[in-house]
Amino acid sequence: MLDTKARGKYEFWLTESYFDEKTKEELRIIAEDEEDIEERFYRDLEFGTGGLRGIIGAGTNRMNIYTVRKATQGLANFIIKERAQEKGVVIAYDSRNMSPEFAQEAALCLVANGIRVYIFSSLRPTPMLSFAVRELGCTAGIMVTASHNPPEYNGYKIFWEDGAQITFPKDMKIIGEVNSITDYTQIKTISQEDAQTTGLYRVIGEEMDDKYMEVLKNLILHSEIIQKEAENLKIVYTPLHGTGNLPIRRVLRELGFVNVYVVKEQELPDGNFPTVSYPNPEDKNAFVLALKLAEEVEADIVLATDPDADRLGMYAKDTMTGEYVRFTGNMSGMLILEYQLAQKKMLGILPENGAVITTIVSGKMAREITKAYQLELVETLTGFKYIGEKIKNFEQSQVYEYVFGYEESFGCLVGTHARDKDAVVAAMVLSEVAAYYKNKGITLYDKMCQLYETYGYYKEDLCTITLKGQDGVRQIAEIMENIRANIPKSIGGLNVKQFRDYKEEMVLNMINGEKSGTGLPKANVLYFELEKNAWCCVRPSGTEPKIKFYVGVKGENEEEAEIMLQKMIETVKKFI
């Protein structure tokens, strides 16, 4: 039976003159589908701590020009209260369906509110948006993207003046402003023609690209090695129909890499992502075409970026077998981390008070590497916005100097030009690392094996369950509460030493029963620290209808680590 509230909203959108005819026609088509109507209208699309993300379509629980306008009006109200209209807002967008339209709607709403806007002339990666916010000295930035989600999704992220995504308390204040808007007809907008006459609407592009490129190239540590190996190293790259194609090819070309092979079928932007079901470099299926090309050209490394080019996936050749080996986000993160620390130490530029930032669900080899170089390792909650926040805190307190930040979900940041993960800089640095070790006669896979031998056989995996719709939200909540109510004493045959409930801000010592605080912000996250350096973490996704189970182990050798890992996965599946 269709909820009366959802039915009322549906009828309002059908009859109110504010909504355009195309929207109404889409809604008329589903007039007899009560389930679809309820899914579209049972709630307002949640403006979460990072912004919006949802399926494109008509309805209050969908991404459309009206929900985008509402979010933007809420942001505008907050900026006006902060008296920061003049500093302005930068807007960028990716290759997804409706991304240009949503970006334009956001721009027109801001201008209608008297707020200066800088909008990119065409699609750009998320890290360039983060860079532009800082470069232009703006109050905020908007990135229209659903990152790596399936094609039917789009999204809307808000960044603040430091270039990082919004965090507490600003996120809650902006959410409050958005939620206070109950009448769509009160949301301000303006025509593009009128916007251009105000002097508040400015299109940006090439000049920002040039500045970004120069900053990135200055992060290279061994340009002389690149020159030696530029003609020998073979790189296959796919942008997966996203924004990475132009900036990544440009930076590699300008550094001197000449053998960069782009997957033609996936080169051009396309919001339907016709060659992949899921445009995510975490998914091995996204590499099918790239690996085929790699075999043909005998590539050393294979790179792929997601639609907004903040995540980078990689394969590297195992010369012993001739096969290409998939690297997890933890593995590629460790390659970059160890290279940065080793080379900066050799060059005498590794700061004494240096710190590496990672998340609680990322691999634990970073502890050993940072310890070996006498640096601090700082852990945050899941999400690169927390890493960005820590960078700002470091700069303000000067207690630590930022060296590197990464998370297991294929995201990292070398440099402080941006405050979000940057797949363009990651592709550049991994290409440098590959050239460096090729010059020494080894591959990136060889180097990874060396890291395991030196620091231990760390293995991680992720078990993800998709639960869509209203029922899915309920099921995910039930799973989380059931685990809270029945804290396991062991996982995968390993005893739980410590249990952390970040929602309750509680750490429970499972041995002596003592309780303490987490020291991190509230979040719906459960964490289990196990014996033998193993761990498990459970959290609902903040961007998709999924619950995620992260597991990690450390073995004496690769075989032992793999056995331990599989036992962990078998156990967590029983939680569902």
Protein backbone atom coordinates (compact mmCIF):
# COMPACT_ATOMS: atom_id res chain seq x y z
CA MET A 1 0.00 0.00 0.00
CA LEU A 2 1.44 3.34 -1.08
CA ASP A 3 2.23 5.67 1.80
CA THR A 4 -0.14 8.66 1.79
CA LYS A 5 2.72 11.10 2.35
CA ALA A 6 4.59 9.75 -0.68
CA ARG A 7 1.36 9.87 -2.73
CA GLY A 8 0.81 13.50 -1.72
CA LYS A 9 4.31 14.51 -2.81
CA TYR A 10 3.83 12.67 -6.09
CA GLU A 11 0.56 14.50 -6.79
CA PHE A 12 2.17 17.82 -5.89
CA TRP A 13 4.99 17.31 -8.42
CA LEU A 14 2.41 16.34 -11.06
CA THR A 15 0.25 19.42 -10.59
CA GLU A 16 2.52 22.24 -9.38
CA SER A 17 3.43 24.65 -12.19
CA TYR A 18 6.99 25.00 -10.82
CA PHE A 19 7.97 21.57 -12.18
CA ASP A 20 8.66 21.25 -15.91
CA GLU A 21 6.65 19.17 -18.35
CA LYS A 22 9.44 16.63 -18.96
CA THR A 23 9.51 15.83 -15.23
CA LYS A 24 5.75 15.48 -15.11
CA GLU A 25 5.73 13.16 -18.13
CA GLU A 26 8.28 10.88 -16.42
CA LEU A 27 5.99 10.75 -13.38
CA ARG A 28 2.84 10.08 -15.42
CA ILE A 29 4.48 6.97 -16.87
CA ILE A 30 4.74 5.40 -13.39
CA ALA A 31 1.20 6.36 -12.28
CA GLU A 32 0.23 2.71 -11.71
CA ASP A 33 3.56 1.62 -10.18
CA GLU A 34 3.06 2.23 -6.46
CA GLU A 35 6.42 0.72 -5.52
CA ASP A 36 8.32 3.07 -7.85
CA ILE A 37 6.34 6.09 -6.64
CA GLU A 38 7.17 5.23 -3.04
CA GLU A 39 10.87 4.78 -3.77
CA ARG A 40 10.95 8.19 -5.46
CA PHE A 41 8.98 10.07 -2.80
CA TYR A 42 9.14 8.24 0.55
CA ARG A 43 11.83 10.68 1.67
CA ASP A 44 13.78 13.70 0.48
CA LEU A 45 17.14 12.72 -1.01
CA GLU A 46 19.37 12.89 2.00
CA PHE A 47 21.88 15.72 2.01
CA GLY A 48 24.58 13.94 3.96
CA THR A 49 27.90 15.06 5.40
CA GLY A 50 29.47 15.16 1.92
CA GLY A 51 26.48 16.28 -0.12
CA LEU A 52 24.03 14.42 -2.36
CA ARG A 53 24.23 11.09 -4.17
CA GLY A 54 21.35 9.25 -5.77
CA ILE A 55 19.69 7.80 -8.85
CA ILE A 56 18.90 10.32 -11.61
CA GLY A 57 15.19 10.88 -12.10
CA ALA A 58 12.06 12.74 -11.03
CA GLY A 59 11.11 12.77 -7.37
CA THR A 60 12.23 14.05 -3.99
CA ASN A 61 14.48 10.99 -3.48
CA ARG A 62 16.24 11.38 -6.82
CA MET A 63 18.96 13.50 -8.38
CA ASN A 64 17.32 16.12 -10.59
CA ILE A 65 17.52 19.85 -11.20
CA TYR A 66 15.09 20.52 -8.34
CA THR A 67 16.95 18.57 -5.65
CA VAL A 68 20.20 20.17 -6.90
CA ARG A 69 18.64 23.64 -6.65
CA LYS A 70 17.43 22.89 -3.13
CA ALA A 71 20.88 21.77 -2.00
CA THR A 72 22.46 24.82 -3.58
CA GLN A 73 19.97 27.21 -1.98
CA GLY A 74 20.85 25.69 1.40
CA LEU A 75 24.54 26.22 0.69
CA ALA A 76 23.84 29.78 -0.48
CA ASN A 77 21.95 30.56 2.72
CA PHE A 78 24.91 29.36 4.77
CA ILE A 79 27.46 31.34 2.71
CA ILE A 80 25.35 34.50 3.07
CA LYS A 81 25.22 34.01 6.84
CA GLU A 82 29.03 33.69 6.74
CA ARG A 83 29.17 36.92 4.68
CA ALA A 84 31.41 35.21 2.13
CA GLN A 85 29.52 35.94 -1.10
CA GLU A 86 32.35 37.86 -2.70
CA LYS A 87 34.93 35.09 -2.33
CA GLY A 88 32.73 32.92 -4.45
CA VAL A 89 32.23 29.25 -5.27
CA VAL A 90 34.02 27.09 -7.87
CA ILE A 91 31.95 24.49 -9.73
CA ALA A 92 33.25 21.49 -11.67
CA TYR A 93 31.59 18.39 -13.08
CA ASP A 94 32.45 14.98 -14.47
CA SER A 95 31.30 12.94 -17.48
CA ARG A 96 28.11 11.50 -15.97
CA ASN A 97 24.69 12.01 -17.46
CA MET A 98 23.20 15.34 -16.36
CA SER A 99 26.47 16.53 -14.80
CA PRO A 100 26.74 19.69 -16.99
CA GLU A 101 23.06 20.49 -16.37
CA PHE A 102 23.35 20.05 -12.59
CA ALA A 103 26.50 22.18 -12.51
CA GLN A 104 24.73 24.93 -14.44
CA GLU A 105 21.66 24.81 -12.16
CA ALA A 106 23.92 25.16 -9.12
CA ALA A 107 25.73 28.12 -10.71
CA LEU A 108 22.50 29.95 -11.59
CA CYS A 109 21.09 29.44 -8.11
CA LEU A 110 24.23 30.88 -6.50
CA VAL A 111 24.30 33.90 -8.81
CA ALA A 112 20.61 34.52 -8.12
CA ASN A 113 21.61 34.71 -4.45
CA GLY A 114 24.32 37.29 -5.19
CA ILE A 115 27.21 34.82 -4.87
CA ARG A 116 30.18 34.90 -7.26
CA VAL A 117 30.63 31.72 -9.34
CA TYR A 118 33.60 30.25 -11.22
CA ILE A 119 32.43 27.36 -13.42
CA PHE A 120 34.72 25.17 -15.51
CA SER A 121 34.10 25.30 -19.25
CA SER A 122 34.06 21.51 -19.57
CA LEU A 123 34.47 18.39 -17.44
CA ARG A 124 37.31 18.25 -14.88
CA PRO A 125 38.47 15.78 -12.21
CA THR A 126 37.58 16.22 -8.55
CA PRO A 127 41.19 17.00 -7.50
CA MET A 128 41.23 19.93 -9.93
CA LEU A 129 38.13 21.31 -8.24
CA SER A 130 39.88 21.01 -4.88
CA PHE A 131 42.95 22.74 -6.33
CA ALA A 132 40.88 25.55 -7.89
CA VAL A 133 39.12 26.34 -4.59
CA ARG A 134 42.51 27.00 -3.01
CA GLU A 135 44.02 28.73 -6.03
CA LEU A 136 41.12 31.19 -6.40
CA GLY A 137 40.69 31.76 -2.66
CA CYS A 138 37.03 30.78 -2.80
CA THR A 139 34.70 30.09 0.10
CA ALA A 140 33.51 26.79 -1.29
CA GLY A 141 33.50 24.39 -4.21
CA ILE A 142 30.87 22.12 -5.75
CA MET A 143 31.80 18.95 -7.60
CA VAL A 144 29.02 17.29 -9.56
CA THR A 145 29.88 13.58 -9.57
CA ALA A 146 28.80 10.22 -8.24
CA SER A 147 32.42 9.08 -8.34
CA HIS A 148 32.55 5.34 -9.11
CA ASN A 149 28.82 4.56 -8.75
CA PRO A 150 26.87 2.78 -11.51
CA PRO A 151 25.67 4.85 -14.52
CA GLU A 152 22.19 5.57 -13.17
CA TYR A 153 23.68 7.69 -10.33
CA ASN A 154 24.89 11.23 -9.99
CA GLY A 155 25.97 13.29 -7.01
CA TYR A 156 26.99 16.64 -5.57
CA LYS A 157 29.92 17.18 -3.20
CA ILE A 158 30.67 20.37 -1.26
CA PHE A 159 34.22 21.52 -0.54
CA TRP A 160 35.26 24.36 1.75
CA GLU A 161 37.92 27.04 1.48
CA ASP A 162 40.80 24.72 2.45
CA GLY A 163 39.98 22.53 -0.56
CA ALA A 164 38.71 19.60 1.51
CA GLN A 165 35.18 18.27 1.66
CA ILE A 166 33.11 19.74 4.47
CA THR A 167 33.40 18.22 7.93
CA PHE A 168 31.82 18.83 11.34
CA PRO A 169 30.44 21.34 12.33
CA LYS A 170 30.06 23.02 8.91
CA ASP A 171 28.50 19.93 7.38
CA MET A 172 25.75 19.87 10.01
CA LYS A 173 25.09 23.61 9.63
CA ILE A 174 24.75 23.30 5.85
CA ILE A 175 22.57 20.20 6.21
CA GLY A 176 20.36 22.23 8.56
CA GLU A 177 20.02 24.99 5.98
CA VAL A 178 19.13 22.51 3.24
CA ASN A 179 16.59 20.68 5.40
CA SER A 180 14.92 23.96 6.40
CA ILE A 181 13.83 24.52 2.78
CA THR A 182 10.36 23.03 2.45
CA ASP A 183 8.99 25.10 -0.42
CA TYR A 184 10.69 24.51 -3.79
CA THR A 185 9.08 27.64 -5.22
CA GLN A 186 11.08 29.82 -2.81
CA ILE A 187 14.40 28.60 -4.25
CA LYS A 188 16.12 31.32 -6.27
CA THR A 189 17.37 30.91 -9.83
CA ILE A 190 18.14 33.09 -12.83
CA SER A 191 18.56 32.70 -16.57
CA GLN A 192 22.07 32.24 -17.94
CA GLU A 193 21.74 35.44 -19.96
CA ASP A 194 20.85 37.42 -16.86
CA ALA A 195 23.56 35.67 -14.84
CA GLN A 196 26.23 36.79 -17.31
CA THR A 197 25.16 40.42 -17.02
CA THR A 198 25.63 40.42 -13.23
CA GLY A 199 29.41 40.12 -13.36
CA LEU A 200 29.15 37.23 -10.89
CA TYR A 201 29.32 34.40 -13.46
CA ARG A 202 32.79 33.52 -14.76
CA VAL A 203 33.88 30.58 -16.90
CA ILE A 204 37.36 29.17 -16.18
CA GLY A 205 39.46 26.48 -17.82
CA GLU A 206 42.90 26.38 -19.45
CA GLU A 207 44.62 28.82 -17.10
CA MET A 208 43.69 26.60 -14.13
CA ASP A 209 44.81 23.49 -16.01
CA ASP A 210 48.23 25.04 -16.61
CA LYS A 211 48.72 25.97 -12.96
CA TYR A 212 47.65 22.52 -11.82
CA MET A 213 50.08 20.83 -14.19
CA GLU A 214 53.02 22.90 -13.03
CA VAL A 215 52.32 22.09 -9.39
CA LEU A 216 52.11 18.38 -10.15
CA LYS A 217 55.33 18.24 -12.16
CA ASN A 218 57.18 19.94 -9.29
CA LEU A 219 56.33 16.93 -7.09
CA ILE A 220 58.55 14.62 -9.14
CA LEU A 221 61.63 13.49 -7.18
CA HIS A 222 63.74 11.95 -9.95
CA SER A 223 63.10 13.61 -13.30
CA GLU A 224 66.54 12.41 -14.44
CA ILE A 225 65.43 8.77 -14.02
CA ILE A 226 62.27 9.44 -16.00
CA GLN A 227 64.39 10.82 -18.85
CA LYS A 228 66.52 7.64 -18.81
CA GLU A 229 63.56 5.25 -18.84
CA ALA A 230 60.89 7.30 -20.65
CA GLU A 231 61.32 5.39 -23.90
CA ASN A 232 61.56 1.99 -22.22
CA LEU A 233 58.60 2.09 -19.82
CA LYS A 234 55.28 1.10 -21.35
CA ILE A 235 52.09 2.38 -19.71
CA VAL A 236 48.53 1.36 -20.58
CA TYR A 237 45.86 3.74 -19.30
CA THR A 238 42.07 3.84 -19.35
CA PRO A 239 39.95 6.75 -18.09
CA LEU A 240 36.85 4.48 -18.10
CA HIS A 241 34.91 7.15 -20.05
CA GLY A 242 35.65 9.71 -17.34
CA THR A 243 37.58 12.92 -16.72
CA GLY A 244 41.11 11.55 -16.37
CA ASN A 245 42.01 11.23 -20.04
CA LEU A 246 43.29 14.74 -20.79
CA PRO A 247 45.09 15.64 -17.53
CA ILE A 248 46.80 12.26 -17.06
CA ARG A 249 47.98 12.01 -20.66
CA ARG A 250 49.17 15.61 -20.51
CA VAL A 251 51.22 15.30 -17.33
CA LEU A 252 52.83 12.04 -18.50
CA ARG A 253 53.61 13.56 -21.90
CA GLU A 254 55.11 16.72 -20.42
CA LEU A 255 57.31 14.65 -18.09
CA GLY A 256 58.68 12.78 -21.08
CA PHE A 257 56.85 9.43 -21.05
CA VAL A 258 56.39 8.46 -24.70
CA ASN A 259 54.90 4.96 -24.53
CA VAL A 260 51.46 5.72 -23.09
CA TYR A 261 48.76 3.58 -24.68
CA VAL A 262 45.16 4.64 -24.08
CA VAL A 263 42.29 2.16 -24.35
CA LYS A 264 40.46 3.60 -27.37
CA GLU A 265 37.09 2.05 -26.54
CA GLN A 266 37.11 3.84 -23.14
CA GLU A 267 38.86 7.06 -24.06
CA LEU A 268 35.94 9.39 -24.70
CA PRO A 269 33.65 10.70 -21.95
CA ASP A 270 30.34 8.85 -21.83
CA GLY A 271 27.91 8.91 -18.91
CA ASN A 272 26.44 5.56 -19.94
CA PHE A 273 29.83 3.86 -19.47
CA PRO A 274 29.03 1.46 -22.34
CA THR A 275 32.06 -0.81 -21.93
CA VAL A 276 31.74 -1.44 -18.18
CA SER A 277 28.84 -2.25 -15.88
CA TYR A 278 30.55 -0.47 -13.00
CA PRO A 279 33.11 2.30 -13.74
CA ASN A 280 35.22 1.53 -10.71
CA PRO A 281 38.96 0.73 -10.81
CA GLU A 282 38.42 -1.34 -7.65
CA ASP A 283 36.50 -3.79 -9.86
CA LYS A 284 38.73 -6.17 -11.82
CA ASN A 285 36.10 -6.30 -14.58
CA ALA A 286 36.86 -2.66 -15.38
CA PHE A 287 40.34 -3.74 -16.56
CA VAL A 288 39.31 -6.30 -19.20
CA LEU A 289 40.02 -4.08 -22.21
CA ALA A 290 43.07 -2.47 -20.62
CA LEU A 291 44.66 -5.85 -19.88
CA LYS A 292 43.99 -7.00 -23.44
CA LEU A 293 45.86 -3.94 -24.72
CA ALA A 294 48.62 -4.48 -22.14
CA GLU A 295 49.23 -8.00 -23.47
CA GLU A 296 49.43 -6.66 -27.02
CA VAL A 297 51.98 -3.93 -26.26
CA GLU A 298 53.78 -5.77 -23.42
CA ALA A 299 53.09 -3.00 -20.95
CA ASP A 300 54.91 -2.65 -17.64
CA ILE A 301 51.94 -1.17 -15.77
CA VAL A 302 48.21 -0.79 -16.38
CA LEU A 303 46.34 2.18 -14.89
CA ALA A 304 42.63 3.02 -14.64
CA THR A 305 40.78 5.97 -13.11
CA ASP A 306 37.15 6.34 -12.07
CA PRO A 307 34.83 8.94 -13.70
CA ASP A 308 35.94 11.89 -11.55
CA ALA A 309 39.59 10.75 -11.48
CA ASP A 310 40.12 10.69 -7.76
CA ARG A 311 40.67 6.88 -7.61
CA LEU A 312 43.42 4.98 -9.39
CA GLY A 313 43.61 1.21 -9.94
CA MET A 314 46.70 -0.62 -11.16
CA TYR A 315 48.05 -3.90 -12.51
CA ALA A 316 51.77 -4.63 -12.84
CA LYS A 317 53.54 -7.43 -14.66
CA ASP A 318 55.02 -10.41 -12.83
CA THR A 319 58.04 -11.15 -15.05
CA MET A 320 58.37 -14.66 -13.62
CA THR A 321 54.93 -15.72 -14.93
CA GLY A 322 54.34 -13.03 -17.54
CA GLU A 323 50.96 -12.36 -15.96
CA TYR A 324 49.56 -9.03 -14.79
CA VAL A 325 48.93 -8.85 -11.04
CA ARG A 326 46.10 -6.79 -9.58
CA PHE A 327 47.17 -4.27 -6.93
CA THR A 328 44.79 -3.31 -4.16
CA GLY A 329 44.57 0.28 -3.00
CA ASN A 330 46.67 -0.70 0.00
CA MET A 331 49.37 -2.20 -2.21
CA SER A 332 49.70 0.78 -4.55
CA GLY A 333 49.53 3.08 -1.52
CA MET A 334 52.45 1.23 0.08
CA LEU A 335 54.53 1.47 -3.09
CA ILE A 336 54.08 5.23 -3.21
CA LEU A 337 54.56 5.61 0.56
CA GLU A 338 57.81 3.68 0.74
CA TYR A 339 59.17 5.37 -2.39
CA GLN A 340 58.35 8.86 -1.11
CA LEU A 341 59.92 8.24 2.29
CA ALA A 342 63.03 6.46 1.00
CA GLN A 343 63.78 8.99 -1.73
CA LYS A 344 63.03 12.05 0.38
CA LYS A 345 65.33 10.69 3.07
CA MET A 346 68.06 10.12 0.49
CA LEU A 347 67.58 13.64 -0.89
CA GLY A 348 67.58 15.13 2.62
CA ILE A 349 64.05 16.54 2.37
CA LEU A 350 62.17 14.15 4.67
CA PRO A 351 60.82 16.30 7.52
CA GLU A 352 61.77 15.27 11.06
CA ASN A 353 58.23 15.91 12.24
CA GLY A 354 56.67 14.24 9.19
CA ALA A 355 53.37 12.41 9.43
CA VAL A 356 51.48 9.99 7.22
CA ILE A 357 47.68 9.97 7.39
CA THR A 358 45.48 6.98 6.68
CA THR A 359 42.05 5.66 7.68
CA ILE A 360 41.02 3.02 10.20
CA VAL A 361 39.97 0.63 7.40
CA SER A 362 43.21 0.88 5.43
CA GLY A 363 46.00 -1.70 5.53
CA LYS A 364 48.36 -1.81 8.50
CA MET A 365 51.70 -2.15 6.66
CA ALA A 366 51.86 1.65 6.82
CA ARG A 367 52.54 1.35 10.55
CA GLU A 368 55.70 -0.62 9.89
CA ILE A 369 56.93 1.61 7.07
CA THR A 370 56.38 4.89 8.93
CA LYS A 371 58.00 3.39 12.03
CA ALA A 372 61.05 2.39 9.98
CA TYR A 373 61.47 6.00 8.86
CA GLN A 374 60.70 7.39 12.33
CA LEU A 375 57.57 9.21 11.22
CA GLU A 376 54.16 9.49 12.84
CA LEU A 377 51.15 7.56 11.53
CA VAL A 378 47.79 9.24 12.12
CA GLU A 379 44.51 7.36 11.59
CA THR A 380 41.17 8.97 10.76
CA LEU A 381 37.64 7.78 10.06
CA THR A 382 36.84 6.46 6.60
CA GLY A 383 36.68 9.17 3.96
CA PHE A 384 39.39 11.35 2.49
CA LYS A 385 37.70 14.47 3.86
CA TYR A 386 39.09 13.50 7.26
CA ILE A 387 42.59 13.25 5.81
CA GLY A 388 42.10 16.71 4.27
CA GLU A 389 40.97 18.02 7.65
CA LYS A 390 44.11 16.62 9.30
CA ILE A 391 46.33 18.37 6.72
CA LYS A 392 44.69 21.68 7.67
CA ASN A 393 45.17 20.91 11.36
CA PHE A 394 48.86 20.13 10.76
CA GLU A 395 49.36 23.46 9.01
CA GLN A 396 47.63 25.35 11.79
CA SER A 397 49.35 23.63 14.73
CA GLN A 398 52.69 22.88 12.99
CA VAL A 399 53.03 19.82 15.23
CA TYR A 400 53.44 17.62 12.15
CA GLU A 401 54.29 18.17 8.49
CA TYR A 402 52.17 16.26 6.01
CA VAL A 403 54.09 13.75 3.92
CA PHE A 404 51.51 11.40 2.40
CA GLY A 405 47.89 10.36 2.81
CA TYR A 406 46.04 7.35 1.49
CA GLU A 407 42.98 5.15 1.94
CA GLU A 408 42.34 1.58 0.91
CA SER A 409 39.67 2.57 -1.64
CA PHE A 410 42.29 3.40 -4.30
CA GLY A 411 42.78 7.01 -3.22
CA CYS A 412 45.88 8.94 -2.16
CA LEU A 413 47.45 12.39 -2.20
CA VAL A 414 51.07 13.34 -2.79
CA GLY A 415 51.55 17.07 -2.14
CA THR A 416 49.15 19.60 -0.62
CA HIS A 417 47.95 21.28 -3.83
CA ALA A 418 44.59 19.59 -3.26
CA ARG A 419 42.85 18.30 -0.16
CA ASP A 420 41.17 15.31 -1.71
CA LYS A 421 42.49 12.13 -3.25
CA ASP A 422 44.08 12.78 -6.62
CA ALA A 423 44.33 10.03 -9.24
CA VAL A 424 46.16 12.35 -11.65
CA VAL A 425 49.06 12.82 -9.25
CA ALA A 426 48.85 9.12 -8.27
CA ALA A 427 49.19 8.05 -11.93
CA MET A 428 52.10 10.43 -12.34
CA VAL A 429 53.93 9.25 -9.22
CA LEU A 430 53.35 5.53 -9.89
CA SER A 431 54.76 6.04 -13.38
CA GLU A 432 57.81 7.67 -11.79
CA VAL A 433 58.13 4.78 -9.31
CA ALA A 434 57.85 2.25 -12.15
CA ALA A 435 60.58 4.09 -14.10
CA TYR A 436 62.81 4.24 -11.01
CA TYR A 437 62.64 0.52 -10.36
CA LYS A 438 62.85 -0.38 -14.05
CA ASN A 439 66.14 1.51 -14.00
CA LYS A 440 67.21 -0.87 -11.23
CA GLY A 441 66.06 -3.91 -13.19
CA ILE A 442 62.93 -4.77 -11.22
CA THR A 443 59.17 -4.37 -11.70
CA LEU A 444 56.61 -2.85 -9.36
CA TYR A 445 55.45 -6.37 -8.55
CA ASP A 446 59.02 -7.30 -7.60
CA LYS A 447 59.20 -4.26 -5.35
CA MET A 448 55.90 -5.15 -3.70
CA CYS A 449 57.26 -8.61 -2.92
CA GLN A 450 60.30 -6.96 -1.35
CA LEU A 451 58.04 -4.85 0.85
CA TYR A 452 56.24 -8.00 2.05
CA GLU A 453 59.58 -9.62 2.88
CA THR A 454 60.73 -6.53 4.77
CA TYR A 455 57.59 -5.49 6.63
CA GLY A 456 55.41 -8.61 6.78
CA TYR A 457 52.75 -10.30 4.69
CA TYR A 458 49.82 -7.98 5.16
CA LYS A 459 46.64 -8.93 3.30
CA GLU A 460 43.30 -7.17 3.21
CA ASP A 461 39.92 -7.75 1.63
CA LEU A 462 36.47 -6.20 1.46
CA CYS A 463 33.15 -8.04 1.58
CA THR A 464 30.30 -5.84 0.30
CA ILE A 465 26.57 -6.56 0.43
CA THR A 466 24.16 -4.46 -1.65
CA LEU A 467 20.73 -3.85 -0.11
CA LYS A 468 18.71 -1.42 -2.22
CA GLY A 469 15.72 0.76 -1.47
CA GLN A 470 13.71 1.43 1.68
CA ASP A 471 13.94 -2.21 2.80
CA GLY A 472 17.68 -2.15 2.24
CA VAL A 473 18.11 0.83 4.58
CA ARG A 474 16.17 -1.08 7.25
CA GLN A 475 18.16 -4.30 6.75
CA ILE A 476 21.50 -2.52 7.00
CA ALA A 477 20.42 -0.84 10.24
CA GLU A 478 19.32 -4.21 11.64
CA ILE A 479 22.66 -5.85 10.78
CA MET A 480 24.58 -3.07 12.54
CA GLU A 481 22.40 -3.19 15.65
CA ASN A 482 22.56 -7.00 15.81
CA ILE A 483 26.36 -6.90 15.83
CA ARG A 484 26.29 -4.23 18.55
CA ALA A 485 23.96 -6.36 20.66
CA ASN A 486 25.99 -9.53 20.14
CA ILE A 487 29.66 -8.53 20.11
CA PRO A 488 31.62 -11.54 18.79
CA LYS A 489 34.44 -12.83 20.99
CA SER A 490 36.37 -14.15 17.99
CA ILE A 491 36.43 -13.67 14.21
CA GLY A 492 38.04 -16.18 11.86
CA GLY A 493 39.33 -18.15 14.82
CA LEU A 494 41.15 -15.11 16.24
CA ASN A 495 40.20 -13.60 19.59
CA VAL A 496 38.84 -10.06 19.72
CA LYS A 497 41.17 -7.94 21.89
CA GLN A 498 39.34 -4.66 21.53
CA PHE A 499 35.93 -3.54 20.25
CA ARG A 500 35.27 0.03 19.10
CA ASP A 501 31.83 1.52 18.51
CA TYR A 502 32.40 4.90 16.94
CA LYS A 503 28.71 5.74 17.05
CA GLU A 504 28.74 5.39 20.83
CA GLU A 505 32.30 6.84 21.03
CA MET A 506 33.29 3.79 23.05
CA VAL A 507 36.33 1.49 23.13
CA LEU A 508 35.84 -1.78 25.04
CA ASN A 509 38.84 -3.81 26.19
CA MET A 510 37.57 -7.36 25.72
CA ILE A 511 40.16 -8.78 28.12
CA ASN A 512 39.54 -6.68 31.23
CA GLY A 513 36.23 -4.97 30.37
CA GLU A 514 37.59 -1.43 30.67
CA LYS A 515 35.97 1.29 28.54
CA SER A 516 37.42 4.47 27.05
CA GLY A 517 36.72 7.00 24.27
CA THR A 518 37.63 6.59 20.58
CA GLY A 519 39.16 10.04 20.15
CA LEU A 520 37.47 10.36 16.75
CA PRO A 521 34.15 11.90 15.62
CA LYS A 522 30.89 9.97 15.90
CA ALA A 523 30.23 7.57 13.04
CA ASN A 524 28.18 4.43 12.46
CA VAL A 525 31.26 2.21 12.42
CA LEU A 526 32.18 -0.95 14.35
CA TYR A 527 35.82 -2.01 14.65
CA PHE A 528 37.39 -5.20 16.01
CA GLU A 529 41.08 -5.39 16.88
CA LEU A 530 42.11 -9.06 16.90
CA GLU A 531 45.13 -11.01 18.02
CA LYS A 532 48.07 -11.59 15.63
CA ASN A 533 47.72 -8.08 14.14
CA ALA A 534 44.40 -8.94 12.48
CA TRP A 535 41.36 -6.64 12.38
CA CYS A 536 37.81 -6.28 11.09
CA CYS A 537 35.61 -3.23 10.50
CA VAL A 538 31.91 -2.94 9.61
CA ARG A 539 30.21 0.17 8.24
CA PRO A 540 27.33 1.15 5.97
CA SER A 541 28.51 2.92 2.82
CA GLY A 542 27.93 6.66 2.84
CA THR A 543 27.46 6.79 -0.94
CA GLU A 544 25.82 3.51 -2.03
CA PRO A 545 23.11 1.14 -0.69
CA LYS A 546 25.74 -1.19 0.75
CA ILE A 547 27.14 -2.50 4.01
CA LYS A 548 30.88 -3.11 3.99
CA PHE A 549 32.97 -5.61 5.95
CA TYR A 550 36.70 -4.84 5.91
CA VAL A 551 39.21 -7.47 7.05
CA GLY A 552 42.97 -7.47 7.40
CA VAL A 553 45.64 -9.94 8.56
CA LYS A 554 49.40 -10.35 8.87
CA GLY A 555 50.99 -13.71 8.14
CA GLU A 556 54.49 -15.17 8.39
CA ASN A 557 54.31 -15.81 4.66
CA GLU A 558 51.90 -15.23 1.78
CA GLU A 559 50.22 -18.63 2.11
CA GLU A 560 49.53 -18.22 5.83
CA ALA A 561 48.19 -14.70 5.30
CA GLU A 562 45.82 -15.90 2.57
CA ILE A 563 44.47 -18.75 4.75
CA MET A 564 43.89 -16.34 7.65
CA LEU A 565 42.16 -13.89 5.35
CA GLN A 566 39.75 -16.48 3.92
CA LYS A 567 38.78 -17.63 7.43
CA MET A 568 38.00 -14.01 8.31
CA ILE A 569 35.83 -13.56 5.22
CA GLU A 570 33.89 -16.77 5.93
CA THR A 571 33.14 -15.52 9.45
CA VAL A 572 31.98 -12.00 8.52
CA LYS A 573 29.57 -13.41 5.93
CA LYS A 574 27.74 -15.06 8.83
CA PHE A 575 27.00 -11.60 10.30
CA ILE A 576 24.54 -10.95 7.46
